[in-house]
C-alpha atoms as a PDB file:
ATOM      1  CA  MET A   1     -56.851  76.768  41.892  1.00  0.00           C
ATOM      2  CA  THR A   2     -57.769  76.392  45.606  1.00  0.00           C
ATOM      3  CA  ALA A   3     -56.856  77.666  48.986  1.00  0.00           C
ATOM      4  CA  SER A   4     -54.263  74.611  49.517  1.00  0.00           C
ATOM      5  CA  ASP A   5     -52.311  75.874  46.132  1.00  0.00           C
ATOM      6  CA  PRO A   6     -51.457  79.290  47.159  1.00  0.00           C
ATOM      7  CA  ASP A   7     -48.467  79.746  44.856  1.00  0.00           C
ATOM      8  CA  GLY A   8     -50.882  78.194  41.655  1.00  0.00           C
ATOM      9  CA  LEU A   9     -53.495  80.809  42.797  1.00  0.00           C
ATOM     10  CA  LEU A  10     -50.854  83.710  42.652  1.00  0.00           C
ATOM     11  CA  ALA A  11     -49.266  82.635  39.491  1.00  0.00           C
ATOM     12  CA  GLU A  12     -52.942  82.514  37.880  1.00  0.00           C
ATOM     13  CA  GLN A  13     -53.503  85.942  39.332  1.00  0.00           C
ATOM     14  CA  LEU A  14     -50.372  87.355  38.214  1.00  0.00           C
ATOM     15  CA  LEU A  15     -51.059  85.784  34.498  1.00  0.00           C
ATOM     16  CA  ARG A  16     -54.748  87.529  34.470  1.00  0.00           C
ATOM     17  CA  LEU A  17     -53.009  90.811  35.531  1.00  0.00           C
ATOM     18  CA  THR A  18     -50.314  90.688  32.976  1.00  0.00           C
ATOM     19  CA  ARG A  19     -53.217  89.852  30.332  1.00  0.00           C
ATOM     20  CA  ARG A  20     -55.424  93.041  31.689  1.00  0.00           C
ATOM     21  CA  VAL A  21     -52.378  95.271  31.515  1.00  0.00           C
ATOM     22  CA  HIS A  22     -51.564  94.303  27.710  1.00  0.00           C
ATOM     23  CA  ARG A  23     -55.193  94.672  27.005  1.00  0.00           C
ATOM     24  CA  ILE A  24     -55.393  97.797  28.417  1.00  0.00           C
ATOM     25  CA  GLN A  25     -52.168  99.381  27.184  1.00  0.00           C
ATOM     26  CA  LYS A  26     -53.499  98.100  23.616  1.00  0.00           C
ATOM     27  CA  ARG A  27     -56.776  99.976  23.924  1.00  0.00           C
ATOM     28  CA  HIS A  28     -54.739 103.256  24.826  1.00  0.00           C
ATOM     29  CA  LEU A  29     -52.437 102.891  22.114  1.00  0.00           C
ATOM     30  CA  GLU A  30     -55.236 102.374  19.673  1.00  0.00           C
ATOM     31  CA  ARG A  31     -56.905 105.327  21.178  1.00  0.00           C
ATOM     32  CA  ARG A  32     -54.139 107.518  20.384  1.00  0.00           C
ATOM     33  CA  GLY A  33     -53.952 106.364  16.641  1.00  0.00           C
ATOM     34  CA  LEU A  34     -50.216 105.550  16.246  1.00  0.00           C
ATOM     35  CA  GLY A  35     -50.387 102.639  14.069  1.00  0.00           C
ATOM     36  CA  ILE A  36     -47.953 100.994  16.492  1.00  0.00           C
ATOM     37  CA  THR A  37     -48.440  97.576  17.773  1.00  0.00           C
ATOM     38  CA  PRO A  38     -47.357  96.492  21.487  1.00  0.00           C
ATOM     39  CA  ALA A  39     -44.360  94.830  20.068  1.00  0.00           C
ATOM     40  CA  GLN A  40     -43.253  97.897  17.681  1.00  0.00           C
ATOM     41  CA  SER A  41     -43.756  99.723  21.082  1.00  0.00           C
ATOM     42  CA  ARG A  42     -41.601  97.612  22.931  1.00  0.00           C
ATOM     43  CA  LEU A  43     -39.001  97.963  20.360  1.00  0.00           C
ATOM     44  CA  LEU A  44     -39.238 101.641  20.100  1.00  0.00           C
ATOM     45  CA  ARG A  45     -39.059 102.039  24.027  1.00  0.00           C
ATOM     46  CA  THR A  46     -35.789  99.548  23.800  1.00  0.00           C
ATOM     47  CA  LEU A  47     -34.075 101.753  21.048  1.00  0.00           C
ATOM     48  CA  ALA A  48     -34.617 104.755  23.005  1.00  0.00           C
ATOM     49  CA  HIS A  49     -32.128 103.466  25.857  1.00  0.00           C
ATOM     50  CA  TYR A  50     -29.377 103.249  23.567  1.00  0.00           C
ATOM     51  CA  GLY A  51     -26.607 106.171  23.507  1.00  0.00           C
ATOM     52  CA  SER A  52     -25.938 105.475  19.756  1.00  0.00           C
ATOM     53  CA  PRO A  53     -27.909 103.745  17.200  1.00  0.00           C
ATOM     54  CA  PRO A  54     -27.569  99.804  17.634  1.00  0.00           C
ATOM     55  CA  ARG A  55     -27.577  96.925  15.466  1.00  0.00           C
ATOM     56  CA  MET A  56     -30.281  94.650  14.615  1.00  0.00           C
ATOM     57  CA  ALA A  57     -28.501  91.833  16.471  1.00  0.00           C
ATOM     58  CA  ASP A  58     -28.302  94.208  19.682  1.00  0.00           C
ATOM     59  CA  LEU A  59     -31.923  94.799  19.478  1.00  0.00           C
ATOM     60  CA  ALA A  60     -32.990  91.088  19.061  1.00  0.00           C
ATOM     61  CA  GLU A  61     -30.461  90.148  22.194  1.00  0.00           C
ATOM     62  CA  ARG A  62     -31.976  92.970  24.459  1.00  0.00           C
ATOM     63  CA  LEU A  63     -35.638  92.320  23.334  1.00  0.00           C
ATOM     64  CA  GLU A  64     -34.661  88.537  23.838  1.00  0.00           C
ATOM     65  CA  VAL A  65     -36.210  87.589  20.426  1.00  0.00           C
ATOM     66  CA  VAL A  66     -34.597  86.091  17.005  1.00  0.00           C
ATOM     67  CA  PRO A  67     -33.250  88.733  14.743  1.00  0.00           C
ATOM     68  CA  ARG A  68     -35.858  87.863  12.033  1.00  0.00           C
ATOM     69  CA  ALA A  69     -38.493  89.113  14.457  1.00  0.00           C
ATOM     70  CA  VAL A  70     -36.526  92.609  14.793  1.00  0.00           C
ATOM     71  CA  THR A  71     -36.257  92.740  11.129  1.00  0.00           C
ATOM     72  CA  THR A  72     -39.935  92.602  11.012  1.00  0.00           C
ATOM     73  CA  LEU A  73     -40.726  95.000  13.771  1.00  0.00           C
ATOM     74  CA  VAL A  74     -38.044  97.472  11.969  1.00  0.00           C
ATOM     75  CA  ASP A  75     -39.688  97.055   8.738  1.00  0.00           C
ATOM     76  CA  GLY A  76     -42.797  97.936  10.062  1.00  0.00           C
ATOM     77  CA  LEU A  77     -41.623 100.974  11.995  1.00  0.00           C
ATOM     78  CA  GLU A  78     -39.565 102.096   9.160  1.00  0.00           C
ATOM     79  CA  ALA A  79     -42.349 102.272   6.748  1.00  0.00           C
ATOM     80  CA  ASN A  80     -44.323 104.180   9.055  1.00  0.00           C
ATOM     81  CA  GLY A  81     -41.286 106.717   9.195  1.00  0.00           C
ATOM     82  CA  LYS A  82     -40.743 105.956  13.094  1.00  0.00           C
ATOM     83  CA  VAL A  83     -36.922 104.464  12.677  1.00  0.00           C
ATOM     84  CA  ARG A  84     -34.436 104.514   9.717  1.00  0.00           C
ATOM     85  CA  ARG A  85     -31.621 102.250   8.975  1.00  0.00           C
ATOM     86  CA  VAL A  86     -28.291 103.809   8.639  1.00  0.00           C
ATOM     87  CA  PRO A  87     -24.829 102.514   7.653  1.00  0.00           C
ATOM     88  CA  ASP A  88     -22.422 102.150  10.517  1.00  0.00           C
ATOM     89  CA  PRO A  89     -19.801 104.860  10.078  1.00  0.00           C
ATOM     90  CA  ALA A  90     -17.045 102.299  11.179  1.00  0.00           C
ATOM     91  CA  ASN A  91     -17.954  99.530   8.552  1.00  0.00           C
ATOM     92  CA  ARG A  92     -20.303 100.300   6.046  1.00  0.00           C
ATOM     93  CA  ARG A  93     -21.617  96.578   5.963  1.00  0.00           C
ATOM     94  CA  VAL A  94     -23.213  96.830   9.551  1.00  0.00           C
ATOM     95  CA  ILE A  95     -26.618  98.791   9.526  1.00  0.00           C
ATOM     96  CA  ARG A  96     -27.801 100.297  12.618  1.00  0.00           C
ATOM     97  CA  ILE A  97     -31.292 101.530  13.422  1.00  0.00           C
ATOM     98  CA  GLU A  98     -31.909 104.916  14.736  1.00  0.00           C
ATOM     99  CA  LEU A  99     -35.318 106.746  15.990  1.00  0.00           C
ATOM    100  CA  THR A 100     -36.660 109.550  13.880  1.00  0.00           C
ATOM    101  CA  ASP A 101     -38.266 112.771  14.858  1.00  0.00           C
ATOM    102  CA  ASP A 102     -41.607 111.043  14.066  1.00  0.00           C
ATOM    103  CA  GLY A 103     -40.337 107.986  16.477  1.00  0.00           C
ATOM    104  CA  ARG A 104     -39.423 110.115  19.242  1.00  0.00           C
ATOM    105  CA  ALA A 105     -42.921 111.951  19.106  1.00  0.00           C
ATOM    106  CA  ALA A 106     -44.569 108.222  19.026  1.00  0.00           C
ATOM    107  CA  LEU A 107     -42.362 107.565  22.108  1.00  0.00           C
ATOM    108  CA  ARG A 108     -43.938 110.540  24.026  1.00  0.00           C
ATOM    109  CA  GLU A 109     -47.249 109.327  22.772  1.00  0.00           C
ATOM    110  CA  LEU A 110     -46.463 105.719  24.131  1.00  0.00           C
ATOM    111  CA  ARG A 111     -45.361 106.998  27.448  1.00  0.00           C
ATOM    112  CA  ALA A 112     -48.481 108.953  27.980  1.00  0.00           C
ATOM    113  CA  ALA A 113     -50.652 105.919  26.892  1.00  0.00           C
ATOM    114  CA  ARG A 114     -48.737 103.703  29.544  1.00  0.00           C
ATOM    115  CA  ARG A 115     -49.029 106.142  32.157  1.00  0.00           C
ATOM    116  CA  THR A 116     -52.830 106.432  31.488  1.00  0.00           C
ATOM    117  CA  ALA A 117     -53.067 102.715  31.314  1.00  0.00           C
ATOM    118  CA  ALA A 118     -51.125 102.373  34.594  1.00  0.00           C
ATOM    119  CA  GLU A 119     -53.405 105.012  36.308  1.00  0.00           C
ATOM    120  CA  GLU A 120     -56.466 102.850  35.060  1.00  0.00           C
ATOM    121  CA  ILE A 121     -55.182  99.626  36.539  1.00  0.00           C
ATOM    122  CA  LEU A 122     -53.832 101.161  39.968  1.00  0.00           C
ATOM    123  CA  ALA A 123     -56.968 103.377  40.540  1.00  0.00           C
ATOM    124  CA  PRO A 124     -58.180 100.704  43.108  1.00  0.00           C
ATOM    125  CA  LEU A 125     -55.243 101.102  45.197  1.00  0.00           C
ATOM    126  CA  GLY A 126     -54.334 103.836  47.740  1.00  0.00           C
ATOM    127  CA  ASN A 127     -50.832 105.469  48.045  1.00  0.00           C
ATOM    128  CA  GLU A 128     -49.790 102.915  50.769  1.00  0.00           C
ATOM    129  CA  GLN A 129     -50.871 100.088  48.799  1.00  0.00           C
ATOM    130  CA  ARG A 130     -49.285 101.385  45.860  1.00  0.00           C
ATOM    131  CA  GLU A 131     -46.018 101.524  47.554  1.00  0.00           C
ATOM    132  CA  THR A 132     -46.145  97.951  49.092  1.00  0.00           C
ATOM    133  CA  LEU A 133     -47.166  96.724  45.622  1.00  0.00           C
ATOM    134  CA  GLY A 134     -44.005  98.459  44.193  1.00  0.00           C
ATOM    135  CA  GLU A 135     -41.897  96.786  46.790  1.00  0.00           C
ATOM    136  CA  LEU A 136     -43.240  93.291  45.925  1.00  0.00           C
ATOM    137  CA  LEU A 137     -42.877  93.819  42.253  1.00  0.00           C
ATOM    138  CA  ASN A 138     -39.298  94.750  42.799  1.00  0.00           C
ATOM    139  CA  ALA A 139     -38.573  91.609  44.921  1.00  0.00           C
ATOM    140  CA  LEU A 140     -40.167  89.685  42.283  1.00  0.00           C
ATOM    141  CA  ILE A 141     -38.213  91.391  39.467  1.00  0.00           C
ATOM    142  CA  ASP A 142     -34.927  91.389  41.253  1.00  0.00           C
ATOM    143  CA  GLY A 143     -35.239  88.041  43.239  1.00  0.00           C
ATOM    144  CA  THR A 144     -34.388  89.466  46.523  1.00  0.00           C
ATOM    145  CA  VAL A 145     -35.699  89.573  49.834  1.00  0.00           C
ATOM    146  CA  SER A 146     -37.070  93.271  51.063  1.00  0.00           C
ATOM    147  CA  PRO A 147     -35.443  94.399  54.450  1.00  0.00           C
ATOM    148  CA  ARG A 148     -38.707  94.058  55.931  1.00  0.00           C
ATOM    149  CA  ASP A 149     -38.759  90.742  55.525  1.00  0.00           C
ATOM    150  CA  VAL A 150     -35.158  90.144  56.819  1.00  0.00           C
ATOM    151  CA  SER A 151     -36.088  91.946  59.949  1.00  0.00           C
ATOM    152  CA  SER A 152     -39.465  89.672  60.562  1.00  0.00           C
END
């Protein structure tokens, strides 16, 4: 990547930052000894956003993975007591996935690990830089133009 390819350079920087974020989060997860992989962590976080226990197909759709991948993740989390399979009260053929008390405790630990990892990653930035970074990331995530850019 050269100065003549600024978008290529930005893409490379974003990929390197993403890998760094994953490495740091993984290290913080391992330090807490939860025995949870990053993929299982993502499933737990997703599960916590549902008002009632979702079906595996719902989780697969939300995570944008194939249902078989969710089955493997749920198997591991269930074996560790973080989630349980429960029958749907309206249709016993349907299985839903719910967090256990251990799963909720693990989520609290996961949030703390993510916060610690974020602090480590953002340490070089001052408050104004963090605010600007947040605005830029929102623009990239949402695909919208910030109000500052419109007035320029």
